[in-house]
Amino acid sequence: MEYKIDAWKGFTPQIGHLVSQMNYARKTTLEIVSGLTTSELDFLPAKDGNSIGALLLHIAAVEKGFQIEIFDGRSPNEQEMLDWGSPYSLGEKGREEIKGYPLDFYLTKLEEVRKRTL
């Protein structure tokens, strides 16, 4: 099925195009990870790499960071850094902390963050 990037109803044309692009990126990402097990989400392709689960949470963390900086006009507070710092930065701390979660955990985080963006 072809997906057309076009203005999204309820938004100005430029914002609508951005929302459409974001939705397309989300749609294709979710199609690729659909059905993955926790073990597959936790798999590290290299010693210093990132798992699929970590990358999914990173997507949510980056969007959350933009919300804080752009919508709220501030830097993340201490609690937000505790909640989102590891998935935002990834690295060793992310490899240690982001594992053992089922796909629904990541999908819920992505959806929660996107709701505020929209």
N, C-alpha and C. Protein backbone atom coordinates (compact mmCIF):
# COMPACT_ATOMS: atom_id res chain seq x y z
N MET A 1 0.83 -1.17 0.00
CA MET A 1 0.00 0.00 0.00
C MET A 1 0.88 1.24 0.00
N GLU A 2 0.58 2.16 -0.87
CA GLU A 2 1.33 3.40 -0.97
C GLU A 2 0.89 4.37 0.12
N TYR A 3 1.84 5.08 0.68
CA TYR A 3 1.54 6.06 1.71
C TYR A 3 1.95 7.41 1.16
N LYS A 4 1.02 8.32 1.11
CA LYS A 4 1.29 9.64 0.55
C LYS A 4 1.52 10.65 1.67
N ILE A 5 2.65 11.36 1.58
CA ILE A 5 2.93 12.43 2.51
C ILE A 5 2.12 13.64 2.04
N ASP A 6 1.20 14.08 2.85
CA ASP A 6 0.31 15.16 2.46
C ASP A 6 -0.09 15.93 3.73
N ALA A 7 -0.72 17.06 3.53
CA ALA A 7 -1.18 17.84 4.68
C ALA A 7 -2.13 17.00 5.53
N TRP A 8 -2.01 17.12 6.83
CA TRP A 8 -2.82 16.36 7.77
C TRP A 8 -3.95 17.24 8.26
N LYS A 9 -5.16 16.73 8.20
CA LYS A 9 -6.31 17.53 8.60
C LYS A 9 -6.20 17.97 10.05
N GLY A 10 -6.63 19.21 10.31
CA GLY A 10 -6.60 19.76 11.65
C GLY A 10 -5.34 20.55 11.95
N PHE A 11 -4.41 20.61 10.98
CA PHE A 11 -3.17 21.35 11.17
C PHE A 11 -2.96 22.29 9.99
N THR A 12 -2.14 23.31 10.19
CA THR A 12 -1.77 24.16 9.07
C THR A 12 -1.06 23.29 8.03
N PRO A 13 -1.00 23.72 6.76
CA PRO A 13 -0.37 22.86 5.73
C PRO A 13 1.05 22.41 6.06
N GLN A 14 1.90 23.31 6.52
CA GLN A 14 3.28 22.91 6.81
C GLN A 14 3.37 21.95 7.99
N ILE A 15 2.64 22.24 9.05
CA ILE A 15 2.63 21.35 10.21
C ILE A 15 1.97 20.03 9.81
N GLY A 16 0.93 20.10 9.00
CA GLY A 16 0.27 18.88 8.53
C GLY A 16 1.20 17.97 7.74
N HIS A 17 2.07 18.56 6.92
CA HIS A 17 3.05 17.75 6.19
C HIS A 17 4.04 17.11 7.16
N LEU A 18 4.47 17.87 8.16
CA LEU A 18 5.39 17.33 9.15
C LEU A 18 4.74 16.17 9.91
N VAL A 19 3.50 16.34 10.34
CA VAL A 19 2.78 15.27 11.05
C VAL A 19 2.65 14.05 10.15
N SER A 20 2.35 14.27 8.88
CA SER A 20 2.24 13.16 7.94
C SER A 20 3.56 12.40 7.81
N GLN A 21 4.67 13.12 7.74
CA GLN A 21 5.98 12.47 7.66
C GLN A 21 6.29 11.71 8.94
N MET A 22 5.96 12.32 10.08
CA MET A 22 6.18 11.64 11.36
C MET A 22 5.34 10.37 11.45
N ASN A 23 4.11 10.44 10.99
CA ASN A 23 3.23 9.26 11.02
C ASN A 23 3.75 8.16 10.10
N TYR A 24 4.29 8.55 8.95
CA TYR A 24 4.85 7.56 8.03
C TYR A 24 6.07 6.87 8.65
N ALA A 25 6.95 7.66 9.25
CA ALA A 25 8.13 7.07 9.90
C ALA A 25 7.70 6.13 11.02
N ARG A 26 6.70 6.53 11.79
CA ARG A 26 6.20 5.69 12.89
C ARG A 26 5.58 4.42 12.32
N LYS A 27 4.76 4.55 11.29
CA LYS A 27 4.07 3.39 10.69
C LYS A 27 5.08 2.36 10.20
N THR A 28 6.10 2.79 9.47
CA THR A 28 7.08 1.85 8.93
C THR A 28 7.92 1.22 10.03
N THR A 29 8.24 2.00 11.06
CA THR A 29 8.99 1.46 12.20
C THR A 29 8.19 0.38 12.91
N LEU A 30 6.92 0.66 13.18
CA LEU A 30 6.08 -0.30 13.89
C LEU A 30 5.84 -1.56 13.06
N GLU A 31 5.75 -1.42 11.76
CA GLU A 31 5.59 -2.60 10.89
C GLU A 31 6.80 -3.52 11.02
N ILE A 32 7.98 -2.94 11.08
CA ILE A 32 9.21 -3.73 11.13
C ILE A 32 9.36 -4.47 12.47
N VAL A 33 8.94 -3.86 13.57
CA VAL A 33 9.13 -4.48 14.89
C VAL A 33 7.94 -5.33 15.32
N SER A 34 6.87 -5.31 14.56
CA SER A 34 5.67 -6.06 14.93
C SER A 34 5.99 -7.53 15.20
N GLY A 35 5.56 -8.00 16.36
CA GLY A 35 5.73 -9.41 16.70
C GLY A 35 7.06 -9.79 17.31
N LEU A 36 7.97 -8.83 17.49
CA LEU A 36 9.27 -9.18 18.08
C LEU A 36 9.11 -9.58 19.54
N THR A 37 9.88 -10.55 19.94
CA THR A 37 9.87 -11.02 21.33
C THR A 37 10.78 -10.12 22.18
N THR A 38 10.68 -10.26 23.47
CA THR A 38 11.56 -9.50 24.37
C THR A 38 13.02 -9.84 24.09
N SER A 39 13.30 -11.09 23.85
CA SER A 39 14.67 -11.50 23.54
C SER A 39 15.18 -10.83 22.26
N GLU A 40 14.34 -10.76 21.27
CA GLU A 40 14.73 -10.10 20.01
C GLU A 40 14.91 -8.59 20.22
N LEU A 41 14.05 -7.99 21.04
CA LEU A 41 14.16 -6.57 21.33
C LEU A 41 15.42 -6.25 22.12
N ASP A 42 15.89 -7.18 22.93
CA ASP A 42 17.07 -6.99 23.77
C ASP A 42 18.39 -7.35 23.07
N PHE A 43 18.33 -8.01 21.95
CA PHE A 43 19.54 -8.48 21.26
C PHE A 43 20.47 -7.31 20.93
N LEU A 44 21.75 -7.48 21.27
CA LEU A 44 22.76 -6.49 20.93
C LEU A 44 23.57 -6.99 19.75
N PRO A 45 23.54 -6.30 18.63
CA PRO A 45 24.28 -6.75 17.44
C PRO A 45 25.80 -6.62 17.59
N ALA A 46 26.23 -5.79 18.51
CA ALA A 46 27.66 -5.61 18.80
C ALA A 46 27.81 -5.21 20.27
N LYS A 47 28.98 -5.45 20.80
CA LYS A 47 29.25 -5.16 22.22
C LYS A 47 28.91 -3.71 22.60
N ASP A 48 29.19 -2.79 21.71
CA ASP A 48 28.93 -1.38 22.01
C ASP A 48 27.74 -0.83 21.21
N GLY A 49 26.88 -1.74 20.74
CA GLY A 49 25.71 -1.34 19.96
C GLY A 49 24.50 -1.09 20.83
N ASN A 50 23.39 -0.89 20.16
CA ASN A 50 22.11 -0.66 20.83
C ASN A 50 21.10 -1.70 20.38
N SER A 51 20.27 -2.11 21.29
CA SER A 51 19.23 -3.08 20.95
C SER A 51 18.08 -2.37 20.24
N ILE A 52 17.22 -3.15 19.62
CA ILE A 52 16.03 -2.59 18.97
C ILE A 52 15.15 -1.91 20.02
N GLY A 53 14.99 -2.54 21.18
CA GLY A 53 14.20 -1.94 22.25
C GLY A 53 14.76 -0.60 22.68
N ALA A 54 16.08 -0.52 22.83
CA ALA A 54 16.70 0.75 23.22
C ALA A 54 16.48 1.82 22.16
N LEU A 55 16.55 1.44 20.91
CA LEU A 55 16.32 2.41 19.84
C LEU A 55 14.87 2.88 19.80
N LEU A 56 13.94 1.98 20.08
CA LEU A 56 12.53 2.39 20.14
C LEU A 56 12.33 3.40 21.28
N LEU A 57 12.91 3.12 22.43
CA LEU A 57 12.77 4.04 23.56
C LEU A 57 13.53 5.34 23.29
N HIS A 58 14.61 5.26 22.54
CA HIS A 58 15.36 6.45 22.15
C HIS A 58 14.49 7.37 21.28
N ILE A 59 13.73 6.79 20.37
CA ILE A 59 12.83 7.59 19.54
C ILE A 59 11.85 8.37 20.42
N ALA A 60 11.28 7.69 21.40
CA ALA A 60 10.35 8.36 22.32
C ALA A 60 11.07 9.42 23.15
N ALA A 61 12.27 9.12 23.60
CA ALA A 61 13.02 10.05 24.45
C ALA A 61 13.41 11.32 23.69
N VAL A 62 13.81 11.18 22.44
CA VAL A 62 14.16 12.35 21.65
C VAL A 62 12.93 13.23 21.44
N GLU A 63 11.80 12.61 21.13
CA GLU A 63 10.56 13.38 20.96
C GLU A 63 10.18 14.06 22.28
N LYS A 64 10.32 13.35 23.39
CA LYS A 64 10.05 13.92 24.71
C LYS A 64 10.97 15.11 24.98
N GLY A 65 12.23 14.98 24.62
CA GLY A 65 13.18 16.07 24.79
C GLY A 65 12.78 17.31 23.99
N PHE A 66 12.34 17.10 22.75
CA PHE A 66 11.87 18.22 21.94
C PHE A 66 10.65 18.88 22.58
N GLN A 67 9.76 18.08 23.12
CA GLN A 67 8.58 18.65 23.79
C GLN A 67 8.99 19.55 24.95
N ILE A 68 9.91 19.08 25.76
CA ILE A 68 10.35 19.84 26.92
C ILE A 68 11.02 21.14 26.48
N GLU A 69 11.92 21.04 25.52
CA GLU A 69 12.66 22.23 25.09
C GLU A 69 11.81 23.19 24.27
N ILE A 70 10.98 22.67 23.36
CA ILE A 70 10.22 23.54 22.45
C ILE A 70 8.88 23.94 23.04
N PHE A 71 8.10 22.97 23.51
CA PHE A 71 6.77 23.29 24.03
C PHE A 71 6.85 23.98 25.40
N ASP A 72 7.74 23.47 26.26
CA ASP A 72 7.83 23.99 27.62
C ASP A 72 8.88 25.09 27.77
N GLY A 73 9.78 25.21 26.79
CA GLY A 73 10.79 26.26 26.80
C GLY A 73 11.79 26.16 27.94
N ARG A 74 12.19 24.92 28.26
CA ARG A 74 13.12 24.73 29.38
C ARG A 74 13.97 23.49 29.12
N SER A 75 14.89 23.25 30.02
CA SER A 75 15.69 22.02 29.99
C SER A 75 14.99 20.96 30.82
N PRO A 76 15.29 19.70 30.60
CA PRO A 76 14.69 18.63 31.41
C PRO A 76 15.03 18.80 32.89
N ASN A 77 14.06 18.50 33.74
CA ASN A 77 14.31 18.57 35.18
C ASN A 77 14.92 17.25 35.66
N GLU A 78 15.21 17.18 36.95
CA GLU A 78 15.88 16.00 37.51
C GLU A 78 15.07 14.72 37.30
N GLN A 79 13.76 14.78 37.52
CA GLN A 79 12.92 13.59 37.34
C GLN A 79 12.88 13.16 35.87
N GLU A 80 12.77 14.11 34.97
CA GLU A 80 12.76 13.79 33.54
C GLU A 80 14.09 13.18 33.10
N MET A 81 15.18 13.65 33.68
CA MET A 81 16.48 13.06 33.37
C MET A 81 16.57 11.63 33.89
N LEU A 82 15.99 11.38 35.07
CA LEU A 82 15.96 10.01 35.59
C LEU A 82 15.12 9.11 34.68
N ASP A 83 13.98 9.62 34.23
CA ASP A 83 13.07 8.83 33.40
C ASP A 83 13.56 8.64 31.97
N TRP A 84 14.17 9.67 31.40
CA TRP A 84 14.47 9.67 29.97
C TRP A 84 15.95 9.78 29.61
N GLY A 85 16.82 10.00 30.59
CA GLY A 85 18.23 10.21 30.30
C GLY A 85 18.91 9.04 29.62
N SER A 86 18.71 7.84 30.14
CA SER A 86 19.34 6.66 29.53
C SER A 86 18.87 6.40 28.11
N PRO A 87 17.56 6.42 27.85
CA PRO A 87 17.14 6.20 26.47
C PRO A 87 17.52 7.35 25.54
N TYR A 88 17.65 8.55 26.08
CA TYR A 88 18.05 9.68 25.25
C TYR A 88 19.51 9.54 24.82
N SER A 89 20.36 9.20 25.78
CA SER A 89 21.80 9.14 25.52
C SER A 89 22.27 7.78 25.03
N LEU A 90 21.57 6.72 25.41
CA LEU A 90 21.94 5.33 25.10
C LEU A 90 23.30 5.00 25.72
N GLY A 91 24.23 4.44 24.96
CA GLY A 91 25.53 4.09 25.51
C GLY A 91 25.46 2.97 26.54
N GLU A 92 26.49 2.88 27.36
CA GLU A 92 26.58 1.80 28.34
C GLU A 92 25.41 1.80 29.32
N LYS A 93 25.03 2.97 29.79
CA LYS A 93 23.91 3.05 30.73
C LYS A 93 22.62 2.55 30.08
N GLY A 94 22.41 2.90 28.84
CA GLY A 94 21.24 2.41 28.12
C GLY A 94 21.26 0.90 27.96
N ARG A 95 22.44 0.35 27.65
CA ARG A 95 22.55 -1.11 27.50
C ARG A 95 22.25 -1.81 28.82
N GLU A 96 22.63 -1.20 29.93
CA GLU A 96 22.38 -1.80 31.25
C GLU A 96 20.91 -1.70 31.66
N GLU A 97 20.28 -0.57 31.36
CA GLU A 97 18.94 -0.29 31.88
C GLU A 97 17.79 -0.64 30.95
N ILE A 98 18.03 -0.64 29.66
CA ILE A 98 16.92 -0.83 28.72
C ILE A 98 16.94 -2.26 28.20
N LYS A 99 16.32 -3.13 28.95
CA LYS A 99 16.21 -4.53 28.55
C LYS A 99 15.16 -5.20 29.42
N GLY A 100 14.63 -6.28 28.89
CA GLY A 100 13.66 -7.06 29.64
C GLY A 100 12.22 -6.62 29.46
N TYR A 101 11.98 -5.70 28.56
CA TYR A 101 10.63 -5.19 28.34
C TYR A 101 10.00 -5.80 27.10
N PRO A 102 8.70 -6.11 27.16
CA PRO A 102 8.00 -6.61 25.96
C PRO A 102 7.73 -5.46 24.99
N LEU A 103 7.38 -5.80 23.79
CA LEU A 103 7.10 -4.81 22.75
C LEU A 103 6.04 -3.80 23.19
N ASP A 104 5.01 -4.25 23.88
CA ASP A 104 3.94 -3.35 24.31
C ASP A 104 4.46 -2.20 25.18
N PHE A 105 5.48 -2.45 25.98
CA PHE A 105 6.08 -1.39 26.79
C PHE A 105 6.57 -0.25 25.90
N TYR A 106 7.32 -0.59 24.86
CA TYR A 106 7.87 0.42 23.97
C TYR A 106 6.76 1.12 23.17
N LEU A 107 5.80 0.33 22.71
CA LEU A 107 4.70 0.91 21.93
C LEU A 107 3.90 1.90 22.78
N THR A 108 3.69 1.58 24.04
CA THR A 108 2.96 2.48 24.94
C THR A 108 3.74 3.78 25.14
N LYS A 109 5.03 3.69 25.36
CA LYS A 109 5.85 4.89 25.54
C LYS A 109 5.81 5.77 24.29
N LEU A 110 5.95 5.15 23.13
CA LEU A 110 5.90 5.91 21.88
C LEU A 110 4.55 6.62 21.71
N GLU A 111 3.47 5.91 22.03
CA GLU A 111 2.13 6.48 21.89
C GLU A 111 1.90 7.61 22.89
N GLU A 112 2.31 7.42 24.13
CA GLU A 112 2.13 8.46 25.15
C GLU A 112 2.82 9.75 24.75
N VAL A 113 4.04 9.64 24.27
CA VAL A 113 4.79 10.83 23.88
C VAL A 113 4.16 11.48 22.65
N ARG A 114 3.79 10.68 21.69
CA ARG A 114 3.20 11.23 20.44
C ARG A 114 1.90 11.97 20.71
N LYS A 115 1.09 11.49 21.64
CA LYS A 115 -0.17 12.17 21.96
C LYS A 115 0.08 13.62 22.32
N ARG A 116 1.11 13.86 23.12
CA ARG A 116 1.38 15.26 23.51
C ARG A 116 1.88 16.05 22.32
N THR A 117 2.71 15.45 21.50
CA THR A 117 3.23 16.17 20.32
C THR A 117 2.08 16.65 19.46
N LEU A 118 1.13 15.75 19.21
CA LEU A 118 0.00 16.11 18.34
C LEU A 118 -0.93 17.10 19.04
